């Protein structure tokens, strides 16, 4: 699967940019896949928490912001595809 400059190997849960593997945590991978699979759709922090974190695990809404920031940083210039719109939430565009 290729989204812009990001190559994803779903079977191995690995991401590559310019053929260099990007080391992602389990949550970063889950967040990236959720956003890419729903490309163009905006999700609130709460909706992302329900989809990416397991039931019964408590995380604050700010945890989503931290994970998004880390993911953007690891993706470098490709991280700019993860956007936030006030009142709507996060999306991969």
Protein backbone atom coordinates (compact mmCIF):
# COMPACT_ATOMS: atom_id res chain seq x y z
CA UNK A 1 0.00 0.00 0.00
CA UNK A 2 1.42 3.41 -0.95
CA UNK A 3 0.00 6.71 0.26
CA UNK A 4 1.89 9.65 -1.18
CA UNK A 5 5.53 9.05 -0.23
CA UNK A 6 4.72 6.53 2.50
CA UNK A 7 4.98 2.83 1.65
CA UNK A 8 3.21 0.53 4.07
CA UNK A 9 3.72 -3.19 4.48
CA UNK A 10 0.53 -4.13 6.30
CA UNK A 11 1.54 -7.76 6.86
CA UNK A 12 4.75 -6.72 8.65
CA UNK A 13 3.33 -3.49 10.11
CA UNK A 14 6.20 -1.43 8.74
CA UNK A 15 6.35 1.96 7.07
CA UNK A 16 8.95 3.23 4.63
CA UNK A 17 9.77 6.68 3.33
CA UNK A 18 12.23 6.81 0.42
CA UNK A 19 12.89 3.09 1.05
CA UNK A 20 14.04 3.81 4.61
CA UNK A 21 12.09 2.08 7.36
CA UNK A 22 10.39 4.38 9.85
CA UNK A 23 10.40 2.91 13.36
CA UNK A 24 6.83 3.18 14.62
CA UNK A 25 5.37 2.04 17.91
CA UNK A 26 2.30 -0.20 17.92
CA UNK A 27 0.05 2.79 18.66
CA UNK A 28 1.69 5.00 16.03
CA UNK A 29 1.16 2.24 13.46
CA UNK A 30 -2.48 1.78 14.52
CA UNK A 31 -3.08 5.53 14.36
CA UNK A 32 -1.47 5.86 10.93
CA UNK A 33 -3.45 2.93 9.53
CA UNK A 34 -6.72 4.24 10.97
CA UNK A 35 -6.18 7.67 9.42
CA UNK A 36 -5.03 6.31 6.05
CA UNK A 37 -7.89 3.81 5.82
CA UNK A 38 -10.27 6.70 6.42
CA UNK A 39 -8.42 9.20 4.23
CA UNK A 40 -10.13 12.55 3.92
CA UNK A 41 -12.43 12.02 6.90
CA UNK A 42 -11.95 14.01 10.09
CA UNK A 43 -12.15 12.31 13.47
CA UNK A 44 -12.37 13.83 16.94
CA UNK A 45 -9.85 12.84 19.59
CA UNK A 46 -12.56 10.79 21.27
CA UNK A 47 -13.36 8.89 18.06
CA UNK A 48 -9.65 8.17 17.51
CA UNK A 49 -9.30 6.96 21.10
CA UNK A 50 -12.20 4.53 20.61
CA UNK A 51 -10.66 3.13 17.41
CA UNK A 52 -6.96 2.99 18.33
CA UNK A 53 -6.88 2.22 22.07
CA UNK A 54 -8.29 -0.96 23.57
CA UNK A 55 -11.46 -0.98 25.64
CA UNK A 56 -10.78 -0.44 29.31
CA UNK A 57 -7.54 1.45 28.74
CA UNK A 58 -7.81 5.02 29.94
CA UNK A 59 -5.95 7.71 28.03
CA UNK A 60 -6.59 11.44 27.99
CA UNK A 61 -7.54 13.26 24.82
CA UNK A 62 -4.15 14.95 24.91
CA UNK A 63 -2.55 11.53 24.44
CA UNK A 64 -3.95 11.59 20.90
CA UNK A 65 -2.27 14.97 20.30
CA UNK A 66 1.06 13.61 21.56
CA UNK A 67 0.82 10.49 19.39
CA UNK A 68 -0.06 12.57 16.32
CA UNK A 69 2.87 14.93 16.98
CA UNK A 70 5.29 12.00 17.34
CA UNK A 71 3.93 10.34 14.21
CA UNK A 72 4.22 13.54 12.18
CA UNK A 73 7.82 13.99 13.34
CA UNK A 74 8.78 10.42 12.43
CA UNK A 75 7.19 10.78 8.99
CA UNK A 76 9.13 13.97 8.27
CA UNK A 77 7.72 15.94 5.34
CA UNK A 78 5.10 13.21 4.76
CA UNK A 79 3.72 13.98 8.22
CA UNK A 80 2.15 17.11 6.77
CA UNK A 81 -0.60 14.86 5.33
CA UNK A 82 -1.94 14.45 8.87
CA UNK A 83 -3.91 17.62 9.47
CA UNK A 84 -6.04 19.02 12.25
CA UNK A 85 -9.04 21.29 11.76
CA UNK A 86 -10.52 23.03 14.74
CA UNK A 87 -13.94 21.63 15.53
CA UNK A 88 -13.47 18.64 13.22
CA UNK A 89 -10.39 16.75 14.42
CA UNK A 90 -7.60 14.90 12.65
CA UNK A 91 -7.47 13.49 9.12
CA UNK A 92 -5.03 12.12 6.56
CA UNK A 93 -5.40 14.24 3.43
